[in-house]
Amino acid sequence: MEFENILTENNDGILQITINRPKKLNALNRDTIEELHQAFTEAKEDEEVKVIILTGTGEKAFVAGADISEFADFSPEEGRELAAEGQAKLFDFVANFPKPVIAAVNGFALGGGLELAMAAHFRIASDNAKMGLPETSLGVIPGYGGTQRLPQLVGKGRAMEMIMTAGMIDANQALQYNLVNHVCEPEELIEFTEKIAGKIMKNSLVAISAAIRAINSNYEDGVNGYEVEISEFGNSFGTEDFEEGTSAFLNKRKADFPGN
């Protein structure tokens, strides 16, 4: 389908989804969240899509935050609905997406932008990136999963400090905090991310999908992640990918996974 606020391009199985609102520093509004939901929904069903790279137009911003003008006059109930709808439609949807999602963070990733990057399975940043959750400076708190995912990634103390001070950290500090996996030059960001996506695509995407479910289960209340791992491990033995992978290994050849 045609989009107004995002761009999509499939390059040999790597789908790049680019938030394209440069005049607003790619800020998230409801229409953009809806379009991202649609793009991810289509990518989930598209067998040609193997890995997704999520980024923003230009070098200034990945996503500079939510579009505050949309909710400045909301009531408490409207605020709850905004957060619940956004989490279900996009942020949790991305976090639990069955195909690998890599955030290529170019420039500012603030508020909802950092929350979106944290929902991705991992993050790569350009060295000009700035990240933070400034919501408390507006009299509100992060509402798209920021209070949950940031402590998971950087630890409780650092998350508390970042949220309480509403400050930004640079790319190298984000790397030190384990908020991002790699830092590179802005002009190398997409190429570097595509190289990692290419390495992922050499492996069984069926197994990777199972690994995503197992890893995420550790962060679900009341779920024993070890039990999920055992179940997913056992299920792997019934897949064509397992048969091909083990056969290739034993016969000293490269695997050609049917699930890919």
Protein backbone atom coordinates (compact mmCIF):
# COMPACT_ATOMS: atom_id res chain seq x y z
CA MET A 1 0.00 0.00 0.00
CA GLU A 2 0.99 3.64 -0.39
CA PHE A 3 2.23 5.48 2.70
CA GLU A 4 2.45 9.20 3.46
CA ASN A 5 4.80 9.16 6.45
CA ILE A 6 7.09 6.20 5.85
CA LEU A 7 9.12 4.70 3.02
CA THR A 8 9.66 0.98 2.40
CA GLU A 9 12.24 -0.72 0.22
CA ASN A 10 13.01 -4.44 -0.04
CA ASN A 11 16.58 -5.19 -1.06
CA ASP A 12 17.28 -8.94 -1.39
CA GLY A 13 15.19 -9.87 1.63
CA ILE A 14 16.15 -6.88 3.79
CA LEU A 15 13.18 -4.55 4.17
CA GLN A 16 14.16 -1.01 5.12
CA ILE A 17 11.34 0.92 6.76
CA THR A 18 12.17 4.62 6.96
CA ILE A 19 10.13 7.10 8.97
CA ASN A 20 9.84 10.03 6.58
CA ARG A 21 8.71 13.23 8.31
CA PRO A 22 11.92 15.29 8.08
CA LYS A 23 10.22 18.64 8.77
CA LYS A 24 9.01 17.18 12.10
CA LEU A 25 12.32 15.37 12.75
CA ASN A 26 10.40 12.16 12.05
CA ALA A 27 8.22 12.61 15.13
CA LEU A 28 5.64 9.90 15.72
CA ASN A 29 2.00 10.84 15.35
CA ARG A 30 -1.00 8.52 15.24
CA ASP A 31 -0.97 8.32 11.44
CA THR A 32 2.70 7.32 11.41
CA ILE A 33 2.13 4.69 14.09
CA GLU A 34 -0.75 3.31 12.02
CA GLU A 35 1.38 3.22 8.87
CA LEU A 36 4.23 1.49 10.70
CA HIS A 37 1.74 -1.07 12.00
CA GLN A 38 0.53 -1.70 8.46
CA ALA A 39 4.07 -1.98 7.10
CA PHE A 40 5.07 -4.49 9.77
CA THR A 41 1.84 -6.44 9.27
CA GLU A 42 2.56 -6.72 5.54
CA ALA A 43 6.19 -7.67 6.24
CA LYS A 44 5.07 -10.43 8.58
CA GLU A 45 3.08 -12.08 5.78
CA ASP A 46 5.59 -11.38 2.99
CA GLU A 47 7.83 -14.40 2.48
CA GLU A 48 10.30 -12.22 0.58
CA VAL A 49 11.04 -10.22 3.74
CA LYS A 50 13.66 -11.86 5.96
CA VAL A 51 15.03 -9.02 8.12
CA ILE A 52 13.76 -5.49 8.81
CA ILE A 53 15.91 -2.40 9.27
CA LEU A 54 14.05 0.48 10.90
CA THR A 55 15.48 3.99 10.50
CA GLY A 56 14.61 7.65 9.94
CA THR A 57 15.06 10.00 7.00
CA GLY A 58 18.23 12.09 7.04
CA GLU A 59 21.04 12.27 9.57
CA LYS A 60 19.36 14.59 12.09
CA ALA A 61 16.86 12.21 13.61
CA PHE A 62 15.79 8.61 13.88
CA VAL A 63 12.62 9.76 15.63
CA ALA A 64 12.80 12.93 17.73
CA GLY A 65 9.81 11.91 19.87
CA ALA A 66 6.06 11.81 19.78
CA ASP A 67 4.02 14.59 18.20
CA ILE A 68 3.12 16.44 21.40
CA SER A 69 0.54 18.64 19.68
CA GLU A 70 -1.70 15.59 19.28
CA PHE A 71 -2.16 14.93 22.99
CA ALA A 72 -1.44 18.20 24.82
CA ASP A 73 -5.08 18.54 25.89
CA PHE A 74 -5.85 14.85 26.60
CA SER A 75 -7.69 13.68 29.71
CA PRO A 76 -6.23 10.92 31.93
CA GLU A 77 -8.45 8.32 30.24
CA GLU A 78 -7.44 9.52 26.79
CA GLY A 79 -3.80 9.30 27.88
CA ARG A 80 -4.25 5.70 29.00
CA GLU A 81 -5.94 4.83 25.71
CA LEU A 82 -3.12 6.51 23.75
CA ALA A 83 -0.44 4.46 25.54
CA ALA A 84 -2.37 1.18 25.39
CA GLU A 85 -3.19 1.54 21.71
CA GLY A 86 0.36 2.55 20.77
CA GLN A 87 1.94 -0.28 22.71
CA ALA A 88 -0.36 -2.90 21.21
CA LYS A 89 -0.28 -1.56 17.66
CA LEU A 90 3.43 -0.83 17.32
CA PHE A 91 5.85 -1.13 20.23
CA ASP A 92 4.88 -4.57 21.55
CA PHE A 93 4.14 -5.66 17.98
CA VAL A 94 7.73 -4.84 16.98
CA ALA A 95 9.25 -6.34 20.14
CA ASN A 96 7.49 -9.66 19.50
CA PHE A 97 7.86 -9.59 15.72
CA PRO A 98 8.78 -13.07 14.40
CA LYS A 99 11.43 -11.71 12.02
CA PRO A 100 14.58 -9.87 13.14
CA VAL A 101 14.13 -6.10 13.53
CA ILE A 102 17.24 -3.91 13.74
CA ALA A 103 17.00 -0.21 14.58
CA ALA A 104 19.54 1.92 12.70
CA VAL A 105 19.59 4.99 14.93
CA ASN A 106 20.62 8.09 12.98
CA GLY A 107 20.64 11.27 15.04
CA PHE A 108 18.06 12.00 17.73
CA ALA A 109 16.12 9.12 19.27
CA LEU A 110 14.09 10.79 21.98
CA GLY A 111 10.95 9.84 23.86
CA GLY A 112 8.80 7.68 21.63
CA GLY A 113 11.72 7.46 19.22
CA LEU A 114 13.98 5.80 21.78
CA GLU A 115 11.05 3.63 22.86
CA LEU A 116 10.65 2.49 19.25
CA ALA A 117 14.37 1.77 18.94
CA MET A 118 14.27 -0.20 22.20
CA ALA A 119 11.34 -2.25 20.89
CA ALA A 120 13.56 -3.44 18.02
CA HIS A 121 15.54 -6.60 18.70
CA PHE A 122 18.79 -4.64 18.82
CA ARG A 123 20.19 -1.25 17.87
CA ILE A 124 23.08 0.18 15.84
CA ALA A 125 23.81 3.91 16.14
CA SER A 126 25.61 6.52 14.10
CA ASP A 127 28.21 8.39 16.14
CA ASN A 128 26.09 11.57 16.04
CA ALA A 129 23.13 9.85 17.72
CA LYS A 130 21.60 11.31 20.88
CA MET A 131 19.21 9.26 22.99
CA GLY A 132 16.97 10.02 25.92
CA LEU A 133 13.54 9.93 27.49
CA PRO A 134 12.69 13.59 28.23
CA GLU A 135 9.06 13.00 29.22
CA THR A 136 9.41 14.10 32.86
CA SER A 137 10.41 17.57 31.61
CA LEU A 138 6.89 17.75 30.16
CA GLY A 139 5.16 16.56 33.33
CA VAL A 140 4.50 13.05 32.04
CA ILE A 141 6.34 9.71 31.95
CA PRO A 142 7.29 7.46 29.03
CA GLY A 143 4.14 5.68 27.86
CA TYR A 144 5.28 3.42 25.04
CA GLY A 145 7.25 0.94 27.15
CA GLY A 146 10.18 3.16 28.08
CA THR A 147 9.98 2.59 31.85
CA GLN A 148 10.10 -1.16 31.23
CA ARG A 149 12.54 -1.66 28.35
CA LEU A 150 15.17 0.91 29.38
CA PRO A 151 15.89 -0.78 32.76
CA GLN A 152 16.03 -4.16 30.99
CA LEU A 153 18.73 -2.83 28.69
CA VAL A 154 20.80 -0.47 30.83
CA GLY A 155 19.92 -1.45 34.41
CA LYS A 156 17.60 0.10 36.95
CA GLY A 157 19.93 2.80 38.28
CA ARG A 158 20.92 4.18 34.90
CA ALA A 159 17.32 4.06 33.70
CA MET A 160 16.17 5.93 36.79
CA GLU A 161 18.81 8.61 36.21
CA MET A 162 18.02 9.00 32.50
CA ILE A 163 14.28 9.28 33.11
CA MET A 164 14.55 11.52 36.19
CA THR A 165 17.02 13.96 34.62
CA ALA A 166 15.28 13.87 31.20
CA GLY A 167 18.79 14.13 29.79
CA MET A 168 20.36 12.78 26.62
CA ILE A 169 23.31 10.45 26.20
CA ASP A 170 25.51 10.25 23.12
CA ALA A 171 26.18 7.18 21.00
CA ASN A 172 29.38 6.16 22.79
CA GLN A 173 27.71 6.41 26.19
CA ALA A 174 24.80 4.37 24.81
CA LEU A 175 27.34 1.75 23.72
CA GLN A 176 28.88 1.73 27.19
CA TYR A 177 25.37 1.34 28.68
CA ASN A 178 24.61 -1.61 26.32
CA LEU A 179 21.74 0.41 24.88
CA VAL A 180 23.24 -0.05 21.40
CA ASN A 181 25.37 -2.89 20.03
CA HIS A 182 27.58 -0.92 17.65
CA VAL A 183 28.48 2.67 16.75
CA CYS A 184 29.64 3.72 13.28
CA GLU A 185 29.99 6.76 11.03
CA PRO A 186 26.66 8.21 9.80
CA GLU A 187 27.43 7.48 6.17
CA GLU A 188 28.23 3.84 7.04
CA LEU A 189 25.17 3.18 9.21
CA ILE A 190 22.88 1.46 6.72
CA GLU A 191 25.67 -0.50 5.02
CA PHE A 192 26.97 -1.70 8.39
CA THR A 193 23.47 -2.70 9.48
CA GLU A 194 22.86 -4.52 6.20
CA LYS A 195 26.05 -6.53 6.71
CA ILE A 196 24.76 -7.76 10.05
CA ALA A 197 21.37 -8.48 8.49
CA GLY A 198 23.19 -10.51 5.82
CA LYS A 199 24.91 -12.60 8.50
CA ILE A 200 21.54 -13.25 10.14
CA MET A 201 20.01 -14.37 6.85
CA LYS A 202 22.62 -17.13 6.46
CA ASN A 203 21.11 -18.89 9.47
CA SER A 204 17.77 -20.60 9.92
CA LEU A 205 15.09 -17.92 10.11
CA VAL A 206 12.72 -20.53 11.54
CA ALA A 207 15.15 -21.09 14.41
CA ILE A 208 15.71 -17.35 14.82
CA SER A 209 11.96 -16.79 15.16
CA ALA A 210 11.89 -19.46 17.87
CA ALA A 211 14.83 -17.78 19.60
CA ILE A 212 13.00 -14.43 19.59
CA ARG A 213 10.03 -16.06 21.33
CA ALA A 214 12.27 -17.78 23.88
CA ILE A 215 14.31 -14.68 24.70
CA ASN A 216 11.22 -12.47 25.03
CA SER A 217 9.51 -14.97 27.30
CA ASN A 218 12.06 -14.18 30.02
CA TYR A 219 10.54 -10.71 30.28
CA GLU A 220 6.91 -11.82 30.57
CA ASP A 221 5.35 -11.91 34.03
CA GLY A 222 4.44 -15.39 35.18
CA VAL A 223 6.28 -17.10 32.32
CA ASN A 224 9.19 -19.46 32.90
CA GLY A 225 11.63 -18.63 30.12
CA TYR A 226 13.56 -21.86 30.61
CA GLU A 227 10.41 -23.87 29.98
CA VAL A 228 9.69 -21.88 26.83
CA GLU A 229 13.26 -22.51 25.67
CA ILE A 230 12.86 -26.25 26.26
CA SER A 231 9.63 -26.27 24.28
CA GLU A 232 11.03 -24.23 21.39
CA PHE A 233 14.21 -26.34 21.37
CA GLY A 234 12.15 -29.51 21.12
CA ASN A 235 9.93 -28.07 18.41
CA SER A 236 13.02 -27.29 16.35
CA PHE A 237 13.69 -31.01 15.95
CA GLY A 238 10.49 -31.31 13.91
CA THR A 239 11.44 -28.66 11.35
CA GLU A 240 12.88 -29.06 7.88
CA ASP A 241 15.47 -26.45 8.81
CA PHE A 242 16.84 -28.69 11.56
CA GLU A 243 17.02 -31.62 9.17
CA GLU A 244 18.86 -29.50 6.59
CA GLY A 245 21.15 -27.79 9.12
CA THR A 246 22.33 -31.00 10.75
CA SER A 247 22.69 -32.77 7.39
CA ALA A 248 24.77 -29.88 6.02
CA PHE A 249 26.99 -29.89 9.10
CA LEU A 250 27.57 -33.65 9.01
CA ASN A 251 28.30 -33.55 5.27
CA LYS A 252 30.54 -30.48 5.58
CA ARG A 253 28.54 -28.25 3.25
CA LYS A 254 26.70 -24.97 3.59
CA ALA A 255 23.10 -25.25 4.70
CA ASP A 256 20.28 -24.18 2.39
CA PHE A 257 17.46 -23.69 4.85
CA PRO A 258 13.96 -24.40 3.44
CA GLY A 259 12.42 -21.90 5.87
CA ASN A 260 14.44 -19.06 4.39
